[in-house]
């Protein structure tokens, strides 16, 4: 079944053009003229939507109000929202990112960028949903684990370790996305040396995963490993992730940045810090990150 998108925009012409473009890309598309109409459709439709393209300025209920309502409702909290804006006002962009917007796009956006953002958002949500579905399938008493050390190299291995760490944390729904994000960063940016700019191009071209697999087979990358150290107690679950890369300037990535609001990636660390952990800090040159999850939170 085609993935279902909801476009919310009071500009009828822009809404029509975007609907046609995305229908040609194979999506099932529904349009709404404002936030209130969109909310009614969300509540009334028997089949859920997979993603919302949401304009900022609209009558009756604007994009920010609808976004806040979505994130406050358990039924729609995980629904990815791509904000559309005809301007670059820093304060509004920061507010949207903090409220849970998945991406920001200026309108009109180039067709390839629009399609890339939607494809990646849907894929990311799908992968996180699949990870969450695997939570609890193991019958082992992982919460009794006190200390452990792991080494990994590949994306599938990162997924397995993320699941284990999430189970040990005893807050798996909250932490699974954060562990996955940090382990993938350690592989791609740390060990494999894929720069921020390189990833932007790889994501836009749809060949990011292929490049990861290619570099894993090449020297010197194929010898590098990510080390994960777990210390678990009745008070806290602490995880240290160490890659063998050259490190990076990590400070700008700890908070949501309006300067990167229109980039195709770059929000994972800030999202993990804000939503997955009680503490997240990088050490040294940035190839070591420590996370903490408190008990009785």
Protein backbone atom coordinates (compact mmCIF):
# COMPACT_ATOMS: atom_id res chain seq x y z
CA UNK A 1 0.00 0.00 0.00
CA UNK A 2 1.26 3.50 -0.88
CA UNK A 3 2.35 5.61 2.06
CA UNK A 4 -0.18 8.30 2.91
CA UNK A 5 0.78 11.96 3.14
CA UNK A 6 -1.26 14.91 4.41
CA UNK A 7 -0.42 18.33 2.94
CA UNK A 8 -1.63 21.26 5.04
CA UNK A 9 -1.40 24.61 3.23
CA UNK A 10 -3.87 27.46 2.76
CA UNK A 11 -2.30 28.30 -0.62
CA UNK A 12 -4.50 26.25 -2.94
CA UNK A 13 -2.16 26.53 -5.92
CA UNK A 14 0.93 25.49 -3.95
CA UNK A 15 -1.01 22.66 -2.34
CA UNK A 16 -2.20 21.41 -5.73
CA UNK A 17 1.28 21.51 -7.26
CA UNK A 18 2.79 19.63 -4.31
CA UNK A 19 0.00 17.04 -4.33
CA UNK A 20 0.56 16.34 -8.02
CA UNK A 21 4.33 16.04 -7.60
CA UNK A 22 4.05 13.59 -4.72
CA UNK A 23 1.32 11.56 -6.37
CA UNK A 24 3.65 11.12 -9.34
CA UNK A 25 6.26 9.85 -6.86
CA UNK A 26 3.84 7.11 -5.79
CA UNK A 27 2.38 8.52 -2.59
CA UNK A 28 -1.30 8.67 -1.64
CA UNK A 29 -1.84 12.37 -0.95
CA UNK A 30 -4.61 14.25 0.86
CA UNK A 31 -4.82 18.05 1.09
CA UNK A 32 -6.07 20.30 3.89
CA UNK A 33 -6.60 24.05 3.77
CA UNK A 34 -5.58 24.82 7.35
CA UNK A 35 -4.65 23.28 10.69
CA UNK A 36 -8.21 22.86 11.91
CA UNK A 37 -9.27 21.02 8.76
CA UNK A 38 -6.15 18.84 9.05
CA UNK A 39 -6.91 17.96 12.70
CA UNK A 40 -10.43 16.90 11.76
CA UNK A 41 -9.09 14.71 8.96
CA UNK A 42 -6.55 13.12 11.30
CA UNK A 43 -9.28 12.22 13.79
CA UNK A 44 -11.82 11.07 11.23
CA UNK A 45 -9.75 9.04 8.75
CA UNK A 46 -9.88 5.31 9.32
CA UNK A 47 -6.36 4.81 7.97
CA UNK A 48 -3.52 6.75 9.62
CA UNK A 49 -1.26 9.15 7.75
CA UNK A 50 2.45 8.40 7.50
CA UNK A 51 3.73 11.99 7.24
CA UNK A 52 2.47 15.59 7.32
CA UNK A 53 3.73 18.49 5.20
CA UNK A 54 2.72 21.48 7.27
CA UNK A 55 2.69 25.16 6.33
CA UNK A 56 3.46 27.66 9.07
CA UNK A 57 1.13 30.60 8.49
CA UNK A 58 -2.54 29.65 8.02
CA UNK A 59 -5.95 30.93 9.21
CA UNK A 60 -8.00 29.35 12.02
CA UNK A 61 -5.17 27.07 13.23
CA UNK A 62 -1.59 27.74 12.15
CA UNK A 63 1.19 25.21 11.71
CA UNK A 64 2.76 25.67 15.14
CA UNK A 65 -0.53 25.18 16.95
CA UNK A 66 -1.22 21.99 15.00
CA UNK A 67 2.33 20.72 15.58
CA UNK A 68 2.02 21.26 19.33
CA UNK A 69 -1.35 19.53 19.37
CA UNK A 70 0.09 16.55 17.47
CA UNK A 71 3.05 16.14 19.80
CA UNK A 72 0.80 16.34 22.87
CA UNK A 73 -1.44 13.53 21.62
CA UNK A 74 -0.15 9.96 22.01
CA UNK A 75 -1.94 8.92 18.82
CA UNK A 76 0.12 11.27 16.66
CA UNK A 77 3.28 11.88 18.67
CA UNK A 78 5.48 9.75 16.39
CA UNK A 79 3.98 11.10 13.17
CA UNK A 80 6.78 12.91 11.29
CA UNK A 81 6.03 16.55 10.47
CA UNK A 82 7.92 18.46 7.78
CA UNK A 83 7.38 22.20 8.21
CA UNK A 84 6.98 24.33 5.09
CA UNK A 85 7.85 28.00 5.28
CA UNK A 86 8.19 30.81 2.80
CA UNK A 87 10.63 32.68 5.02
CA UNK A 88 13.71 32.08 7.18
CA UNK A 89 12.76 33.78 10.43
CA UNK A 90 15.18 32.35 12.99
CA UNK A 91 12.93 32.48 16.04
CA UNK A 92 10.07 30.61 14.37
CA UNK A 93 12.39 27.97 12.94
CA UNK A 94 13.93 27.35 16.37
CA UNK A 95 10.46 27.09 17.93
CA UNK A 96 9.36 24.55 15.33
CA UNK A 97 12.43 22.37 15.80
CA UNK A 98 12.07 22.47 19.58
CA UNK A 99 8.39 21.54 19.26
CA UNK A 100 9.24 18.40 17.33
CA UNK A 101 9.31 19.30 13.62
CA UNK A 102 11.23 16.63 11.73
CA UNK A 103 12.54 18.87 8.94
CA UNK A 104 12.18 22.40 7.67
CA UNK A 105 11.73 23.20 3.97
CA UNK A 106 11.42 26.53 2.24
CA UNK A 107 8.69 26.68 -0.35
CA UNK A 108 8.81 26.14 -3.15
CA UNK A 109 11.56 23.53 -2.66
CA UNK A 110 13.39 21.80 -5.51
CA UNK A 111 11.60 18.59 -6.44
CA UNK A 112 14.60 16.38 -5.65
CA UNK A 113 15.03 17.94 -2.20
CA UNK A 114 11.33 17.56 -1.35
CA UNK A 115 11.30 13.93 -2.43
CA UNK A 116 14.55 13.22 -0.58
CA UNK A 117 13.30 14.73 2.69
CA UNK A 118 10.04 12.78 2.54
CA UNK A 119 11.78 9.53 1.62
CA UNK A 120 14.31 9.86 4.44
CA UNK A 121 11.73 10.91 7.02
CA UNK A 122 9.53 7.93 6.21
CA UNK A 123 12.48 5.55 6.21
CA UNK A 124 13.79 6.86 9.53
CA UNK A 125 10.39 6.54 11.22
CA UNK A 126 9.95 3.06 9.74
CA UNK A 127 13.33 1.91 11.06
CA UNK A 128 12.65 3.31 14.54
CA UNK A 129 9.23 1.66 14.57
CA UNK A 130 10.80 -1.68 13.64
CA UNK A 131 13.35 -1.29 16.42
CA UNK A 132 10.61 -0.52 18.95
CA UNK A 133 8.67 -3.58 17.81
CA UNK A 134 11.68 -5.73 18.69
CA UNK A 135 11.83 -4.38 22.23
CA UNK A 136 10.84 -6.98 24.76
CA UNK A 137 11.21 -9.96 22.44
CA UNK A 138 14.18 -11.26 24.41
CA UNK A 139 13.39 -13.09 27.60
CA UNK A 140 16.82 -12.52 29.15
CA UNK A 141 16.94 -10.46 32.34
CA UNK A 142 19.12 -7.75 30.80
CA UNK A 143 18.29 -5.26 33.52
CA UNK A 144 20.40 -7.44 35.86
CA UNK A 145 23.51 -6.84 33.72
CA UNK A 146 25.97 -4.66 35.63
CA UNK A 147 29.03 -4.24 33.37
CA UNK A 148 29.78 -5.10 29.77
CA UNK A 149 31.95 -4.10 26.81
CA UNK A 150 31.10 -4.55 23.14
CA UNK A 151 32.85 -3.87 19.86
CA UNK A 152 31.03 -3.32 16.58
CA UNK A 153 31.65 -2.17 13.03
CA UNK A 154 28.48 -2.35 10.95
CA UNK A 155 25.00 -0.80 10.90
CA UNK A 156 23.22 -4.11 11.65
CA UNK A 157 25.51 -4.60 14.65
CA UNK A 158 24.67 -1.06 15.81
CA UNK A 159 20.98 -1.96 15.66
CA UNK A 160 21.49 -5.06 17.82
CA UNK A 161 23.54 -3.22 20.43
CA UNK A 162 21.01 -0.36 20.49
CA UNK A 163 18.27 -2.83 21.32
CA UNK A 164 20.32 -4.42 24.10
CA UNK A 165 21.24 -1.05 25.64
CA UNK A 166 17.63 0.12 25.47
CA UNK A 167 16.47 -2.99 27.31
CA UNK A 168 19.14 -2.55 29.99
CA UNK A 169 18.13 1.09 30.47
CA UNK A 170 14.62 -0.09 31.49
CA UNK A 171 13.27 2.83 29.44
CA UNK A 172 13.49 1.26 25.97
CA UNK A 173 10.84 3.31 24.18
CA UNK A 174 12.58 6.49 25.24
CA UNK A 175 16.21 5.49 24.68
CA UNK A 176 16.24 3.24 21.60
CA UNK A 177 16.35 6.10 19.11
CA UNK A 178 19.14 7.88 20.97
CA UNK A 179 21.40 4.84 21.24
CA UNK A 180 20.85 4.05 17.57
CA UNK A 181 21.67 7.63 16.53
CA UNK A 182 24.91 7.79 18.51
CA UNK A 183 26.15 4.39 17.36
CA UNK A 184 25.46 5.20 13.72
CA UNK A 185 27.29 8.52 14.14
CA UNK A 186 30.28 6.69 15.62
CA UNK A 187 30.40 4.40 12.58
CA UNK A 188 29.74 6.83 9.75
CA UNK A 189 31.31 10.08 10.94
CA UNK A 190 33.86 8.60 13.36
CA UNK A 191 35.32 5.39 12.00
CA UNK A 192 34.46 5.91 8.32
CA UNK A 193 35.28 9.61 8.17
CA UNK A 194 32.13 10.67 6.29
CA UNK A 195 32.01 14.44 6.75
CA UNK A 196 28.87 16.50 7.31
CA UNK A 197 28.99 17.88 3.77
CA UNK A 198 29.63 14.43 2.29
CA UNK A 199 26.64 12.97 4.07
CA UNK A 200 24.44 15.78 2.78
CA UNK A 201 25.33 14.82 -0.79
CA UNK A 202 25.03 11.09 -0.12
CA UNK A 203 21.60 11.50 1.44
CA UNK A 204 20.39 13.71 -1.42
CA UNK A 205 21.63 11.13 -3.93
CA UNK A 206 20.11 8.24 -1.98
CA UNK A 207 23.40 6.34 -1.70
CA UNK A 208 24.39 6.93 1.94
CA UNK A 209 24.04 3.29 3.02
CA UNK A 210 25.94 2.07 -0.06
CA UNK A 211 28.82 4.40 0.78
CA UNK A 212 28.89 3.13 4.36
CA UNK A 213 29.08 -0.49 3.15
CA UNK A 214 31.79 0.40 0.63
CA UNK A 215 34.03 2.13 3.16
CA UNK A 216 33.66 -0.72 5.63
CA UNK A 217 35.57 -2.88 3.13
CA UNK A 218 38.39 -0.41 2.52
CA UNK A 219 41.61 0.29 4.44
CA UNK A 220 42.06 1.88 6.90
CA UNK A 221 38.35 1.88 7.78
CA UNK A 222 37.86 -1.89 7.81
CA UNK A 223 40.14 -2.24 10.82
CA UNK A 224 38.30 0.30 12.96
CA UNK A 225 35.78 -0.62 15.62
CA UNK A 226 33.36 1.19 17.89
CA UNK A 227 33.74 0.29 21.56
CA UNK A 228 30.69 0.43 23.83
CA UNK A 229 31.08 0.24 27.61
CA UNK A 230 28.09 -0.30 29.86
CA UNK A 231 27.91 0.43 33.59
CA UNK A 232 24.54 -0.33 35.11
CA UNK A 233 23.38 0.17 38.69
CA UNK A 234 20.23 0.70 40.68
CA UNK A 235 20.71 4.48 40.28
CA UNK A 236 21.82 4.89 36.69
CA UNK A 237 22.58 3.26 33.36
CA UNK A 238 25.74 4.82 31.90
CA UNK A 239 26.93 4.03 28.37
CA UNK A 240 30.23 5.20 26.87
CA UNK A 241 30.67 5.05 23.08
CA UNK A 242 34.18 5.40 21.65
CA UNK A 243 35.07 5.47 17.95
CA UNK A 244 38.52 5.41 16.35
CA UNK A 245 38.09 8.49 14.20
CA UNK A 246 39.78 11.88 14.38
CA UNK A 247 36.96 13.45 16.39
CA UNK A 248 34.90 16.52 15.48
CA UNK A 249 33.73 19.89 16.79
CA UNK A 250 30.78 18.57 18.75
CA UNK A 251 29.64 21.70 20.60
CA UNK A 252 27.37 23.10 17.84
CA UNK A 253 25.43 19.84 17.58
CA UNK A 254 24.24 19.61 21.18
CA UNK A 255 21.40 22.09 20.64
CA UNK A 256 18.93 22.68 17.81
CA UNK A 257 20.46 25.09 15.31
CA UNK A 258 18.50 27.39 13.03
CA UNK A 259 21.53 27.54 10.75
CA UNK A 260 21.12 23.83 9.96
CA UNK A 261 17.33 23.83 9.97
CA UNK A 262 17.14 23.27 6.21
CA UNK A 263 19.89 20.62 6.09
CA UNK A 264 18.94 17.03 5.30
CA UNK A 265 20.49 15.74 8.54
CA UNK A 266 22.33 17.01 11.61
CA UNK A 267 19.64 17.04 14.30
CA UNK A 268 20.19 13.57 15.77
CA UNK A 269 22.51 14.49 18.64
CA UNK A 270 20.33 17.37 19.80
CA UNK A 271 17.19 15.23 19.59
CA UNK A 272 18.90 12.44 21.56
CA UNK A 273 20.11 14.87 24.22
CA UNK A 274 16.67 16.41 24.57
CA UNK A 275 14.51 13.31 24.45
CA UNK A 276 16.44 10.07 25.01
CA UNK A 277 18.79 10.65 27.92
CA UNK A 278 19.10 12.42 31.27
CA UNK A 279 22.69 13.28 30.39
CA UNK A 280 24.74 13.34 27.19
CA UNK A 281 28.27 14.71 26.96
CA UNK A 282 31.15 14.45 24.54
CA UNK A 283 34.67 14.18 25.83
CA UNK A 284 38.09 15.06 24.45
CA UNK A 285 38.18 15.59 20.70
CA UNK A 286 34.65 14.26 20.23
CA UNK A 287 35.26 10.58 19.55
CA UNK A 288 33.89 9.67 23.00
CA UNK A 289 30.32 10.27 24.10
CA UNK A 290 28.82 9.37 27.48
CA UNK A 291 25.09 8.96 28.09
CA UNK A 292 23.24 8.58 31.37
CA UNK A 293 19.73 7.31 32.09
CA UNK A 294 18.58 7.77 35.67
CA UNK A 295 16.39 5.33 37.55
CA UNK A 296 13.17 6.47 39.21
CA UNK A 297 12.89 9.26 36.65
